[in-house]
Amino acid sequence: MSEEKTAIQKLYEDPKSKNFVNHLIRAYLPINKPQKVWEFEDKKPHKCNVCSHDLIDLGTVIGRMHTAGDEYMKDTIDQMRRGLIDGEQIPREEHAVVKHITHGAIMAWQGEKTTTFLCADCIKQILDMVTTGILMGDKNIVWLTKQMQRDQVFTHFKESPVLDGEEKKEVETIQKHADKKKMTFGDLEVLQQLKAKMEAEEEKQKI
C-alpha cells in the first residue's frame, strides 16, 4: 500500500501550484536558509503557507513564558513527574507549554526572499521531496537545484570584498548569460580570472 502524499507533494503535482512550490524550494533550501521568526512584523496571526497550521513567533513564546502564572509551573512540574517517574506518555495537547504558552500553535520559520511562513514539518517535506526528486531524476527538480547551485557561485563572486564594482557588474552580466544558457568561453575565462584573484587575496590573508 502506497504512503499518503504529503501536503507539499500534493501542491507540487498540481499544475496550478507547482510554481509556488518551486518558489518554496528556492526560499527554504538549502536547509541553513530558513530562520525562526522572532516577531511577525504585522502583529497578526499567521498560518503555515503549506499545511495551514497555526504559527507562533519566538518573541511571543518568550513573552508568554515570562508572564506565565502558577498554573503553568504547576503543570510543568506535574508532567515532569508523570513522564520521568511514572513513565506516562503525555498527549501533546496536554503539555504545559501547549496549554499555557503556544495554545496549539507551532514555531514559524521563514526562508530567504519570500513572504511565506512555514512550520518545520513542511520544510522537512520540501527537503525530502527534493532529495527524492533528484534520486528519481525529476527534470524540474534537477534543473532547479542546479540553477540554485549556480546562483550560489555567482553570489559568492558578487559578495566578495576583493572584487571592485566594475568586476561585480561583469559577474552580473555573465550570470544573465548563464540564465539564458548563452555563456561563452570568454565568460568562463573572466570567471576563472576573478576566482584566481579572490583566491590569491585569501592566501595573502593567511600569511
N, C-alpha and C. Protein backbone atom coordinates (compact mmCIF):
# COMPACT_ATOMS: atom_id res chain seq x y z
N MET A 1 0.85 -1.20 0.00
CA MET A 1 0.00 0.00 0.00
C MET A 1 0.88 1.25 0.00
N SER A 2 0.63 2.17 -0.91
CA SER A 2 1.46 3.36 -1.04
C SER A 2 1.17 4.34 0.10
N GLU A 3 2.22 5.09 0.48
CA GLU A 3 2.07 6.07 1.55
C GLU A 3 1.23 7.25 1.06
N GLU A 4 0.53 7.86 2.01
CA GLU A 4 -0.28 9.03 1.67
C GLU A 4 0.64 10.19 1.31
N LYS A 5 0.27 10.94 0.29
CA LYS A 5 1.10 12.05 -0.16
C LYS A 5 1.08 13.18 0.85
N THR A 6 2.22 13.83 0.98
CA THR A 6 2.31 14.96 1.90
C THR A 6 1.66 16.19 1.26
N ALA A 7 1.45 17.22 2.09
CA ALA A 7 0.83 18.45 1.59
C ALA A 7 1.67 19.08 0.49
N ILE A 8 3.00 19.05 0.65
CA ILE A 8 3.87 19.67 -0.35
C ILE A 8 3.86 18.88 -1.66
N GLN A 9 3.76 17.54 -1.58
CA GLN A 9 3.69 16.72 -2.78
C GLN A 9 2.41 17.01 -3.56
N LYS A 10 1.31 17.18 -2.84
CA LYS A 10 0.04 17.48 -3.49
C LYS A 10 0.10 18.81 -4.21
N LEU A 11 0.72 19.80 -3.59
CA LEU A 11 0.86 21.11 -4.24
C LEU A 11 1.77 21.02 -5.46
N TYR A 12 2.84 20.24 -5.36
CA TYR A 12 3.81 20.12 -6.45
C TYR A 12 3.19 19.44 -7.67
N GLU A 13 2.30 18.48 -7.43
CA GLU A 13 1.70 17.73 -8.53
C GLU A 13 0.53 18.47 -9.18
N ASP A 14 0.10 19.56 -8.58
CA ASP A 14 -0.97 20.38 -9.14
C ASP A 14 -0.34 21.46 -10.02
N PRO A 15 -0.60 21.46 -11.32
CA PRO A 15 0.00 22.46 -12.23
C PRO A 15 -0.24 23.91 -11.77
N LYS A 16 -1.36 24.15 -11.08
CA LYS A 16 -1.69 25.49 -10.64
C LYS A 16 -0.79 25.97 -9.50
N SER A 17 -0.23 25.06 -8.72
CA SER A 17 0.58 25.45 -7.55
C SER A 17 2.03 25.00 -7.66
N LYS A 18 2.41 24.39 -8.80
CA LYS A 18 3.78 23.89 -8.96
C LYS A 18 4.81 25.01 -8.87
N ASN A 19 4.51 26.16 -9.49
CA ASN A 19 5.45 27.28 -9.45
C ASN A 19 5.62 27.81 -8.02
N PHE A 20 4.54 27.72 -7.24
CA PHE A 20 4.61 28.14 -5.84
C PHE A 20 5.59 27.23 -5.08
N VAL A 21 5.54 25.94 -5.36
CA VAL A 21 6.46 25.00 -4.71
C VAL A 21 7.89 25.27 -5.18
N ASN A 22 8.07 25.58 -6.46
CA ASN A 22 9.40 25.94 -6.97
C ASN A 22 9.96 27.13 -6.18
N HIS A 23 9.08 28.10 -5.90
CA HIS A 23 9.49 29.26 -5.10
C HIS A 23 9.90 28.84 -3.69
N LEU A 24 9.13 27.94 -3.09
CA LEU A 24 9.45 27.47 -1.73
C LEU A 24 10.78 26.73 -1.70
N ILE A 25 11.05 25.95 -2.74
CA ILE A 25 12.32 25.22 -2.81
C ILE A 25 13.48 26.21 -2.82
N ARG A 26 13.37 27.25 -3.61
CA ARG A 26 14.42 28.27 -3.69
C ARG A 26 14.56 29.01 -2.36
N ALA A 27 13.43 29.28 -1.70
CA ALA A 27 13.44 30.10 -0.49
C ALA A 27 13.91 29.34 0.75
N TYR A 28 13.62 28.03 0.81
CA TYR A 28 13.87 27.28 2.05
C TYR A 28 15.00 26.25 1.96
N LEU A 29 15.60 26.10 0.79
CA LEU A 29 16.73 25.20 0.66
C LEU A 29 17.93 25.96 0.09
N PRO A 30 19.15 25.58 0.49
CA PRO A 30 19.49 24.51 1.43
C PRO A 30 18.96 24.78 2.83
N ILE A 31 19.06 23.79 3.70
CA ILE A 31 18.37 23.80 4.97
C ILE A 31 18.87 24.87 5.93
N ASN A 32 20.01 25.51 5.63
CA ASN A 32 20.51 26.58 6.51
C ASN A 32 19.83 27.92 6.22
N LYS A 33 19.01 27.99 5.17
CA LYS A 33 18.34 29.25 4.82
C LYS A 33 17.24 29.67 5.80
N PRO A 34 16.28 28.79 6.11
CA PRO A 34 15.18 29.24 6.98
C PRO A 34 15.64 29.56 8.40
N GLN A 35 15.03 30.60 8.95
CA GLN A 35 15.33 31.03 10.32
C GLN A 35 14.02 31.12 11.10
N LYS A 36 14.11 30.87 12.41
CA LYS A 36 12.92 31.04 13.25
C LYS A 36 12.47 32.50 13.20
N VAL A 37 11.17 32.72 13.16
CA VAL A 37 10.64 34.08 13.12
C VAL A 37 10.63 34.65 14.53
N TRP A 38 11.38 35.73 14.71
CA TRP A 38 11.42 36.36 16.04
C TRP A 38 10.11 37.07 16.34
N GLU A 39 9.61 37.82 15.34
CA GLU A 39 8.37 38.56 15.55
C GLU A 39 7.70 38.82 14.21
N PHE A 40 6.41 38.55 14.11
CA PHE A 40 5.67 38.87 12.89
C PHE A 40 5.54 40.39 12.82
N GLU A 41 6.02 40.96 11.73
CA GLU A 41 6.05 42.42 11.61
C GLU A 41 4.66 43.04 11.65
N ASP A 42 3.66 42.35 11.09
CA ASP A 42 2.31 42.93 11.05
C ASP A 42 1.51 42.65 12.32
N LYS A 43 2.13 41.90 13.27
CA LYS A 43 1.49 41.60 14.57
C LYS A 43 0.21 40.78 14.43
N LYS A 44 -0.02 40.20 13.25
CA LYS A 44 -1.25 39.44 13.02
C LYS A 44 -0.99 37.94 13.16
N PRO A 45 -2.06 37.14 13.40
CA PRO A 45 -1.90 35.68 13.43
C PRO A 45 -1.51 35.18 12.05
N HIS A 46 -0.69 34.13 12.00
CA HIS A 46 -0.27 33.55 10.72
C HIS A 46 -0.44 32.04 10.74
N LYS A 47 -0.63 31.48 9.56
CA LYS A 47 -0.72 30.04 9.40
C LYS A 47 0.36 29.58 8.44
N CYS A 48 0.78 28.34 8.55
CA CYS A 48 1.75 27.77 7.62
C CYS A 48 1.18 27.85 6.21
N ASN A 49 1.97 28.34 5.27
CA ASN A 49 1.50 28.50 3.89
C ASN A 49 1.35 27.20 3.13
N VAL A 50 1.71 26.09 3.76
CA VAL A 50 1.52 24.79 3.12
C VAL A 50 0.43 23.98 3.80
N CYS A 51 0.54 23.79 5.12
CA CYS A 51 -0.41 22.92 5.82
C CYS A 51 -1.49 23.67 6.59
N SER A 52 -1.36 25.01 6.66
CA SER A 52 -2.35 25.87 7.32
C SER A 52 -2.41 25.73 8.84
N HIS A 53 -1.40 25.11 9.44
CA HIS A 53 -1.37 25.02 10.90
C HIS A 53 -1.07 26.40 11.49
N ASP A 54 -1.67 26.72 12.64
CA ASP A 54 -1.41 28.00 13.30
C ASP A 54 0.06 28.10 13.67
N LEU A 55 0.64 29.28 13.44
CA LEU A 55 2.05 29.52 13.75
C LEU A 55 2.20 30.55 14.86
N ILE A 56 3.34 30.49 15.52
CA ILE A 56 3.65 31.45 16.59
C ILE A 56 5.09 31.89 16.43
N ASP A 57 5.38 33.15 16.78
CA ASP A 57 6.76 33.62 16.67
C ASP A 57 7.49 33.46 18.00
N LEU A 58 8.81 33.49 17.93
CA LEU A 58 9.65 33.22 19.10
C LEU A 58 9.46 34.27 20.19
N GLY A 59 9.29 35.53 19.78
CA GLY A 59 9.10 36.59 20.76
C GLY A 59 7.86 36.40 21.61
N THR A 60 6.79 35.93 20.98
CA THR A 60 5.55 35.67 21.70
C THR A 60 5.73 34.54 22.70
N VAL A 61 6.43 33.50 22.29
CA VAL A 61 6.68 32.37 23.19
C VAL A 61 7.45 32.83 24.42
N ILE A 62 8.53 33.58 24.20
CA ILE A 62 9.35 34.04 25.32
C ILE A 62 8.56 34.98 26.23
N GLY A 63 7.78 35.88 25.60
CA GLY A 63 6.97 36.81 26.38
C GLY A 63 5.96 36.11 27.26
N ARG A 64 5.29 35.11 26.70
CA ARG A 64 4.29 34.38 27.49
C ARG A 64 4.93 33.55 28.59
N MET A 65 6.12 33.04 28.35
CA MET A 65 6.80 32.26 29.39
C MET A 65 7.19 33.14 30.58
N HIS A 66 7.54 34.40 30.29
CA HIS A 66 7.93 35.32 31.36
C HIS A 66 6.72 35.73 32.21
N THR A 67 5.55 35.73 31.58
CA THR A 67 4.35 36.20 32.30
C THR A 67 3.43 35.05 32.70
N ALA A 68 3.86 33.81 32.44
CA ALA A 68 3.01 32.66 32.76
C ALA A 68 2.77 32.58 34.28
N GLY A 69 1.58 32.17 34.65
CA GLY A 69 1.22 32.11 36.06
C GLY A 69 1.60 30.80 36.72
N ASP A 70 1.08 30.63 37.94
CA ASP A 70 1.40 29.45 38.74
C ASP A 70 0.91 28.16 38.10
N GLU A 71 -0.19 28.23 37.35
CA GLU A 71 -0.75 27.02 36.75
C GLU A 71 0.22 26.40 35.75
N TYR A 72 0.95 27.27 35.03
CA TYR A 72 1.94 26.77 34.06
C TYR A 72 3.05 26.01 34.77
N MET A 73 3.58 26.60 35.84
CA MET A 73 4.66 25.95 36.58
C MET A 73 4.17 24.66 37.24
N LYS A 74 2.95 24.71 37.76
CA LYS A 74 2.37 23.54 38.42
C LYS A 74 2.22 22.39 37.42
N ASP A 75 1.69 22.71 36.22
CA ASP A 75 1.50 21.68 35.19
C ASP A 75 2.84 21.14 34.70
N THR A 76 3.83 22.04 34.57
CA THR A 76 5.15 21.62 34.09
C THR A 76 5.78 20.62 35.05
N ILE A 77 5.77 20.95 36.34
CA ILE A 77 6.36 20.06 37.34
C ILE A 77 5.61 18.74 37.42
N ASP A 78 4.28 18.82 37.37
CA ASP A 78 3.45 17.61 37.43
C ASP A 78 3.74 16.69 36.24
N GLN A 79 3.87 17.28 35.05
CA GLN A 79 4.12 16.47 33.85
C GLN A 79 5.52 15.89 33.84
N MET A 80 6.49 16.60 34.41
CA MET A 80 7.84 16.05 34.52
C MET A 80 7.83 14.82 35.43
N ARG A 81 7.07 14.92 36.52
CA ARG A 81 6.98 13.79 37.44
C ARG A 81 6.29 12.60 36.77
N ARG A 82 5.18 12.88 36.08
CA ARG A 82 4.43 11.80 35.42
C ARG A 82 5.24 11.15 34.30
N GLY A 83 6.03 11.97 33.59
CA GLY A 83 6.81 11.44 32.49
C GLY A 83 8.08 10.72 32.91
N LEU A 84 8.84 11.34 33.84
CA LEU A 84 10.13 10.78 34.24
C LEU A 84 10.01 9.67 35.28
N ILE A 85 9.10 9.86 36.22
CA ILE A 85 8.98 8.88 37.31
C ILE A 85 7.97 7.78 36.97
N ASP A 86 6.81 8.20 36.50
CA ASP A 86 5.76 7.21 36.22
C ASP A 86 5.84 6.64 34.80
N GLY A 87 6.66 7.27 33.93
CA GLY A 87 6.78 6.78 32.55
C GLY A 87 5.53 7.00 31.72
N GLU A 88 4.72 7.97 32.10
CA GLU A 88 3.46 8.23 31.40
C GLU A 88 3.71 9.03 30.12
N GLN A 89 3.00 8.68 29.07
CA GLN A 89 3.07 9.42 27.81
C GLN A 89 2.03 10.54 27.83
N ILE A 90 2.49 11.77 27.91
CA ILE A 90 1.58 12.91 27.97
C ILE A 90 1.19 13.34 26.55
N PRO A 91 -0.12 13.36 26.23
CA PRO A 91 -0.54 13.82 24.90
C PRO A 91 -0.06 15.25 24.64
N ARG A 92 0.32 15.53 23.39
CA ARG A 92 0.87 16.84 23.06
C ARG A 92 -0.05 17.98 23.49
N GLU A 93 -1.35 17.84 23.26
CA GLU A 93 -2.27 18.93 23.57
C GLU A 93 -2.38 19.21 25.07
N GLU A 94 -1.90 18.26 25.89
CA GLU A 94 -1.94 18.46 27.34
C GLU A 94 -0.62 18.99 27.90
N HIS A 95 0.41 19.09 27.06
CA HIS A 95 1.68 19.62 27.55
C HIS A 95 1.49 21.04 28.08
N ALA A 96 2.17 21.35 29.17
CA ALA A 96 2.02 22.67 29.79
C ALA A 96 2.34 23.80 28.82
N VAL A 97 3.38 23.63 28.03
CA VAL A 97 3.77 24.69 27.10
C VAL A 97 2.72 24.90 26.02
N VAL A 98 2.03 23.82 25.63
CA VAL A 98 0.96 23.94 24.63
C VAL A 98 -0.28 24.59 25.23
N LYS A 99 -0.66 24.16 26.42
CA LYS A 99 -1.86 24.68 27.09
C LYS A 99 -1.72 26.15 27.48
N HIS A 100 -0.56 26.51 27.99
CA HIS A 100 -0.40 27.85 28.57
C HIS A 100 0.40 28.83 27.71
N ILE A 101 1.23 28.33 26.80
CA ILE A 101 2.13 29.22 26.04
C ILE A 101 1.77 29.31 24.56
N THR A 102 1.81 28.18 23.86
CA THR A 102 1.60 28.24 22.41
C THR A 102 0.14 28.11 22.00
N HIS A 103 -0.69 27.57 22.90
CA HIS A 103 -2.11 27.38 22.61
C HIS A 103 -2.33 26.54 21.35
N GLY A 104 -1.44 25.61 21.12
CA GLY A 104 -1.57 24.71 19.98
C GLY A 104 -0.83 25.14 18.72
N ALA A 105 -0.36 26.39 18.70
CA ALA A 105 0.39 26.87 17.53
C ALA A 105 1.80 26.27 17.56
N ILE A 106 2.46 26.27 16.40
CA ILE A 106 3.83 25.76 16.32
C ILE A 106 4.74 26.84 15.75
N MET A 107 6.06 26.66 15.97
CA MET A 107 7.04 27.70 15.63
C MET A 107 7.04 28.04 14.14
N ALA A 108 7.09 29.32 13.86
CA ALA A 108 7.14 29.82 12.49
C ALA A 108 8.58 29.93 12.01
N TRP A 109 8.81 29.55 10.76
CA TRP A 109 10.11 29.69 10.12
C TRP A 109 9.93 30.46 8.82
N GLN A 110 10.97 31.18 8.41
CA GLN A 110 10.91 31.90 7.13
C GLN A 110 12.22 31.73 6.38
N GLY A 111 12.10 31.54 5.06
CA GLY A 111 13.27 31.39 4.21
C GLY A 111 13.76 32.73 3.70
N GLU A 112 14.52 32.70 2.62
CA GLU A 112 15.08 33.91 2.04
C GLU A 112 14.24 34.38 0.85
N LYS A 113 14.10 35.69 0.73
CA LYS A 113 13.39 36.32 -0.39
C LYS A 113 11.99 35.73 -0.56
N THR A 114 11.25 35.69 0.52
CA THR A 114 9.89 35.16 0.49
C THR A 114 9.05 35.84 1.55
N THR A 115 7.76 35.95 1.29
CA THR A 115 6.82 36.49 2.28
C THR A 115 6.08 35.35 2.98
N THR A 116 6.42 34.12 2.65
CA THR A 116 5.75 32.96 3.23
C THR A 116 6.32 32.62 4.61
N PHE A 117 5.54 31.86 5.37
CA PHE A 117 5.99 31.31 6.65
C PHE A 117 5.62 29.83 6.66
N LEU A 118 6.54 28.99 7.12
CA LEU A 118 6.29 27.55 7.16
C LEU A 118 6.58 26.99 8.54
N CYS A 119 6.02 25.81 8.80
CA CYS A 119 6.38 25.08 10.02
C CYS A 119 7.55 24.16 9.68
N ALA A 120 8.22 23.64 10.70
CA ALA A 120 9.39 22.80 10.48
C ALA A 120 9.05 21.52 9.72
N ASP A 121 7.88 20.95 9.98
CA ASP A 121 7.49 19.72 9.30
C ASP A 121 7.38 19.92 7.79
N CYS A 122 6.83 21.06 7.38
CA CYS A 122 6.68 21.31 5.94
C CYS A 122 8.02 21.61 5.27
N ILE A 123 8.94 22.23 6.00
CA ILE A 123 10.29 22.43 5.46
C ILE A 123 10.96 21.07 5.24
N LYS A 124 10.77 20.17 6.19
CA LYS A 124 11.33 18.81 6.04
C LYS A 124 10.68 18.11 4.85
N GLN A 125 9.39 18.31 4.65
CA GLN A 125 8.70 17.72 3.50
C GLN A 125 9.32 18.21 2.19
N ILE A 126 9.66 19.49 2.13
CA ILE A 126 10.29 20.05 0.93
C ILE A 126 11.64 19.39 0.69
N LEU A 127 12.44 19.28 1.76
CA LEU A 127 13.76 18.65 1.66
C LEU A 127 13.63 17.20 1.20
N ASP A 128 12.71 16.46 1.79
CA ASP A 128 12.52 15.05 1.41
C ASP A 128 12.08 14.92 -0.04
N MET A 129 11.16 15.80 -0.46
CA MET A 129 10.65 15.74 -1.84
C MET A 129 11.76 16.05 -2.84
N VAL A 130 12.59 17.05 -2.53
CA VAL A 130 13.68 17.42 -3.45
C VAL A 130 14.72 16.30 -3.50
N THR A 131 15.06 15.73 -2.35
CA THR A 131 16.03 14.63 -2.32
C THR A 131 15.54 13.45 -3.16
N THR A 132 14.27 13.10 -2.98
CA THR A 132 13.67 12.00 -3.76
C THR A 132 13.63 12.36 -5.24
N GLY A 133 13.28 13.62 -5.53
CA GLY A 133 13.20 14.06 -6.93
C GLY A 133 14.53 13.96 -7.64
N ILE A 134 15.61 14.31 -6.94
CA ILE A 134 16.95 14.20 -7.55
C ILE A 134 17.29 12.74 -7.82
N LEU A 135 17.01 11.87 -6.84
CA LEU A 135 17.31 10.44 -7.00
C LEU A 135 16.49 9.80 -8.11
N MET A 136 15.25 10.28 -8.27
CA MET A 136 14.34 9.71 -9.27
C MET A 136 14.48 10.40 -10.63
N GLY A 137 15.32 11.42 -10.69
CA GLY A 137 15.54 12.10 -11.97
C GLY A 137 14.43 13.03 -12.39
N ASP A 138 13.73 13.63 -11.44
CA ASP A 138 12.70 14.61 -11.76
C ASP A 138 13.36 15.80 -12.46
N LYS A 139 13.04 16.00 -13.73
CA LYS A 139 13.72 17.01 -14.54
C LYS A 139 13.60 18.42 -13.97
N ASN A 140 12.41 18.76 -13.47
CA ASN A 140 12.21 20.10 -12.92
C ASN A 140 13.07 20.32 -11.68
N ILE A 141 13.07 19.35 -10.78
CA ILE A 141 13.83 19.49 -9.54
C ILE A 141 15.33 19.48 -9.82
N VAL A 142 15.78 18.63 -10.72
CA VAL A 142 17.21 18.59 -11.07
C VAL A 142 17.64 19.92 -11.67
N TRP A 143 16.83 20.46 -12.58
CA TRP A 143 17.14 21.76 -13.20
C TRP A 143 17.15 22.86 -12.15
N LEU A 144 16.17 22.84 -11.25
CA LEU A 144 16.04 23.87 -10.23
C LEU A 144 17.23 23.85 -9.27
N THR A 145 17.63 22.67 -8.82
CA THR A 145 18.74 22.58 -7.87
C THR A 145 20.06 22.97 -8.52
N LYS A 146 20.23 22.63 -9.79
CA LYS A 146 21.46 23.05 -10.49
C LYS A 146 21.51 24.57 -10.63
N GLN A 147 20.37 25.16 -10.91
CA GLN A 147 20.31 26.62 -11.02
C GLN A 147 20.60 27.28 -9.67
N MET A 148 20.09 26.69 -8.59
CA MET A 148 20.35 27.22 -7.25
C MET A 148 21.84 27.13 -6.91
N GLN A 149 22.48 26.03 -7.29
CA GLN A 149 23.91 25.87 -7.05
C GLN A 149 24.70 26.92 -7.83
N ARG A 150 24.28 27.16 -9.07
CA ARG A 150 24.95 28.16 -9.90
C ARG A 150 24.76 29.56 -9.30
N ASP A 151 23.55 29.84 -8.80
CA ASP A 151 23.28 31.14 -8.18
C ASP A 151 24.18 31.36 -6.96
N GLN A 152 24.41 30.30 -6.19
CA GLN A 152 25.28 30.40 -5.02
C GLN A 152 26.70 30.78 -5.42
N VAL A 153 27.16 30.21 -6.53
CA VAL A 153 28.50 30.53 -7.02
C VAL A 153 28.59 32.01 -7.40
N PHE A 154 27.59 32.49 -8.14
CA PHE A 154 27.60 33.90 -8.55
C PHE A 154 27.47 34.83 -7.35
N THR A 155 26.68 34.43 -6.36
CA THR A 155 26.53 35.23 -5.14
C THR A 155 27.88 35.36 -4.43
N HIS A 156 28.65 34.28 -4.43
CA HIS A 156 29.97 34.30 -3.81
C HIS A 156 30.86 35.35 -4.49
N PHE A 157 30.77 35.43 -5.82
CA PHE A 157 31.54 36.44 -6.56
C PHE A 157 31.05 37.84 -6.21
N LYS A 158 29.72 38.03 -6.26
CA LYS A 158 29.15 39.37 -6.09
C LYS A 158 29.29 39.92 -4.67
N GLU A 159 29.46 39.04 -3.71
CA GLU A 159 29.60 39.49 -2.32
C GLU A 159 31.06 39.56 -1.87
N SER A 160 31.96 39.21 -2.76
CA SER A 160 33.38 39.21 -2.40
C SER A 160 33.90 40.63 -2.20
N PRO A 161 34.57 40.90 -1.08
CA PRO A 161 35.16 42.22 -0.85
C PRO A 161 36.40 42.47 -1.71
N VAL A 162 36.88 41.41 -2.35
CA VAL A 162 38.09 41.52 -3.17
C VAL A 162 37.80 42.18 -4.52
N LEU A 163 36.61 41.92 -5.06
CA LEU A 163 36.27 42.43 -6.39
C LEU A 163 35.70 43.85 -6.30
N ASP A 164 36.03 44.67 -7.31
CA ASP A 164 35.51 46.04 -7.32
C ASP A 164 34.15 46.09 -8.03
N GLY A 165 33.58 47.29 -8.06
CA GLY A 165 32.24 47.46 -8.62
C GLY A 165 32.12 47.02 -10.07
N GLU A 166 33.11 47.38 -10.88
CA GLU A 166 33.08 47.02 -12.30
C GLU A 166 33.14 45.50 -12.48
N GLU A 167 33.97 44.87 -11.69
CA GLU A 167 34.10 43.40 -11.79
C GLU A 167 32.80 42.72 -11.38
N LYS A 168 32.14 43.25 -10.38
CA LYS A 168 30.86 42.66 -9.95
C LYS A 168 29.77 42.87 -10.99
N LYS A 169 29.80 44.00 -11.67
CA LYS A 169 28.84 44.23 -12.77
C LYS A 169 29.08 43.22 -13.90
N GLU A 170 30.36 42.92 -14.12
CA GLU A 170 30.72 41.94 -15.14
C GLU A 170 30.17 40.56 -14.76
N VAL A 171 30.25 40.25 -13.47
CA VAL A 171 29.72 38.97 -12.98
C VAL A 171 28.21 38.90 -13.19
N GLU A 172 27.52 40.01 -12.90
CA GLU A 172 26.06 40.06 -13.10
C GLU A 172 25.70 39.81 -14.56
N THR A 173 26.46 40.39 -15.47
CA THR A 173 26.22 40.19 -16.90
C THR A 173 26.41 38.73 -17.28
N ILE A 174 27.46 38.12 -16.75
CA ILE A 174 27.72 36.71 -17.05
C ILE A 174 26.63 35.83 -16.47
N GLN A 175 26.10 36.19 -15.30
CA GLN A 175 25.02 35.42 -14.70
C GLN A 175 23.77 35.46 -15.58
N LYS A 176 23.50 36.62 -16.16
CA LYS A 176 22.36 36.73 -17.07
C LYS A 176 22.56 35.84 -18.29
N HIS A 177 23.80 35.77 -18.78
CA HIS A 177 24.10 34.88 -19.90
C HIS A 177 23.84 33.43 -19.50
N ALA A 178 24.25 33.08 -18.27
CA ALA A 178 24.07 31.71 -17.79
C ALA A 178 22.59 31.37 -17.66
N ASP A 179 21.79 32.32 -17.17
CA ASP A 179 20.35 32.08 -17.01
C ASP A 179 19.68 31.84 -18.36
N LYS A 180 20.22 32.47 -19.39
CA LYS A 180 19.67 32.30 -20.74
C LYS A 180 20.39 31.20 -21.53
N LYS A 181 21.30 30.47 -20.83
CA LYS A 181 22.09 29.41 -21.44
C LYS A 181 22.91 29.93 -22.62
N LYS A 182 23.48 31.14 -22.45
CA LYS A 182 24.26 31.77 -23.51
C LYS A 182 25.67 32.12 -23.05
N MET A 183 26.18 31.37 -22.07
CA MET A 183 27.54 31.63 -21.60
C MET A 183 28.56 31.27 -22.67
N THR A 184 29.62 32.08 -22.77
CA THR A 184 30.66 31.86 -23.77
C THR A 184 31.95 31.43 -23.07
N PHE A 185 32.91 30.98 -23.87
CA PHE A 185 34.23 30.64 -23.32
C PHE A 185 34.87 31.88 -22.70
N GLY A 186 34.57 33.05 -23.30
CA GLY A 186 35.10 34.30 -22.75
C GLY A 186 34.56 34.57 -21.36
N ASP A 187 33.27 34.28 -21.16
CA ASP A 187 32.66 34.44 -19.84
C ASP A 187 33.36 33.54 -18.82
N LEU A 188 33.59 32.29 -19.21
CA LEU A 188 34.24 31.34 -18.30
C LEU A 188 35.66 31.79 -17.96
N GLU A 189 36.34 32.36 -18.96
CA GLU A 189 37.71 32.83 -18.74
C GLU A 189 37.73 33.99 -17.74
N VAL A 190 36.74 34.90 -17.86
CA VAL A 190 36.64 36.02 -16.92
C VAL A 190 36.41 35.51 -15.50
N LEU A 191 35.49 34.55 -15.35
CA LEU A 191 35.20 33.99 -14.03
C LEU A 191 36.44 33.31 -13.43
N GLN A 192 37.19 32.63 -14.27
CA GLN A 192 38.41 31.97 -13.79
C GLN A 192 39.43 33.00 -13.31
N GLN A 193 39.55 34.11 -14.03
CA GLN A 193 40.48 35.17 -13.64
C GLN A 193 40.06 35.81 -12.30
N LEU A 194 38.76 36.05 -12.16
CA LEU A 194 38.25 36.65 -10.92
C LEU A 194 38.41 35.68 -9.76
N LYS A 195 38.18 34.42 -10.03
CA LYS A 195 38.34 33.39 -9.00
C LYS A 195 39.79 33.34 -8.52
N ALA A 196 40.70 33.41 -9.49
CA ALA A 196 42.13 33.39 -9.16
C ALA A 196 42.50 34.62 -8.32
N LYS A 197 41.92 35.77 -8.64
CA LYS A 197 42.19 36.99 -7.88
C LYS A 197 41.70 36.84 -6.44
N MET A 198 40.49 36.28 -6.27
CA MET A 198 39.93 36.08 -4.93
C MET A 198 40.77 35.10 -4.12
N GLU A 199 41.20 34.03 -4.77
CA GLU A 199 42.00 33.01 -4.07
C GLU A 199 43.36 33.56 -3.69
N ALA A 200 43.94 34.39 -4.54
CA ALA A 200 45.26 34.99 -4.25
C ALA A 200 45.16 35.90 -3.01
N GLU A 201 44.06 36.64 -2.92
CA GLU A 201 43.87 37.53 -1.77
C GLU A 201 43.65 36.73 -0.50
N GLU A 202 42.93 35.63 -0.61
CA GLU A 202 42.71 34.75 0.54
C GLU A 202 44.02 34.18 1.04
N GLU A 203 44.92 33.83 0.12
CA GLU A 203 46.23 33.28 0.50
C GLU A 203 47.06 34.34 1.22
N LYS A 204 46.98 35.60 0.76
CA LYS A 204 47.71 36.69 1.39
C LYS A 204 47.29 36.86 2.85
N GLN A 205 45.97 36.72 3.08
CA GLN A 205 45.44 36.92 4.43
C GLN A 205 45.85 35.82 5.38
N LYS A 206 46.24 34.65 4.84
CA LYS A 206 46.67 33.54 5.68
C LYS A 206 48.11 33.71 6.17
N ILE A 207 48.86 34.54 5.42
CA ILE A 207 50.28 34.72 5.76
C ILE A 207 50.43 35.61 7.02
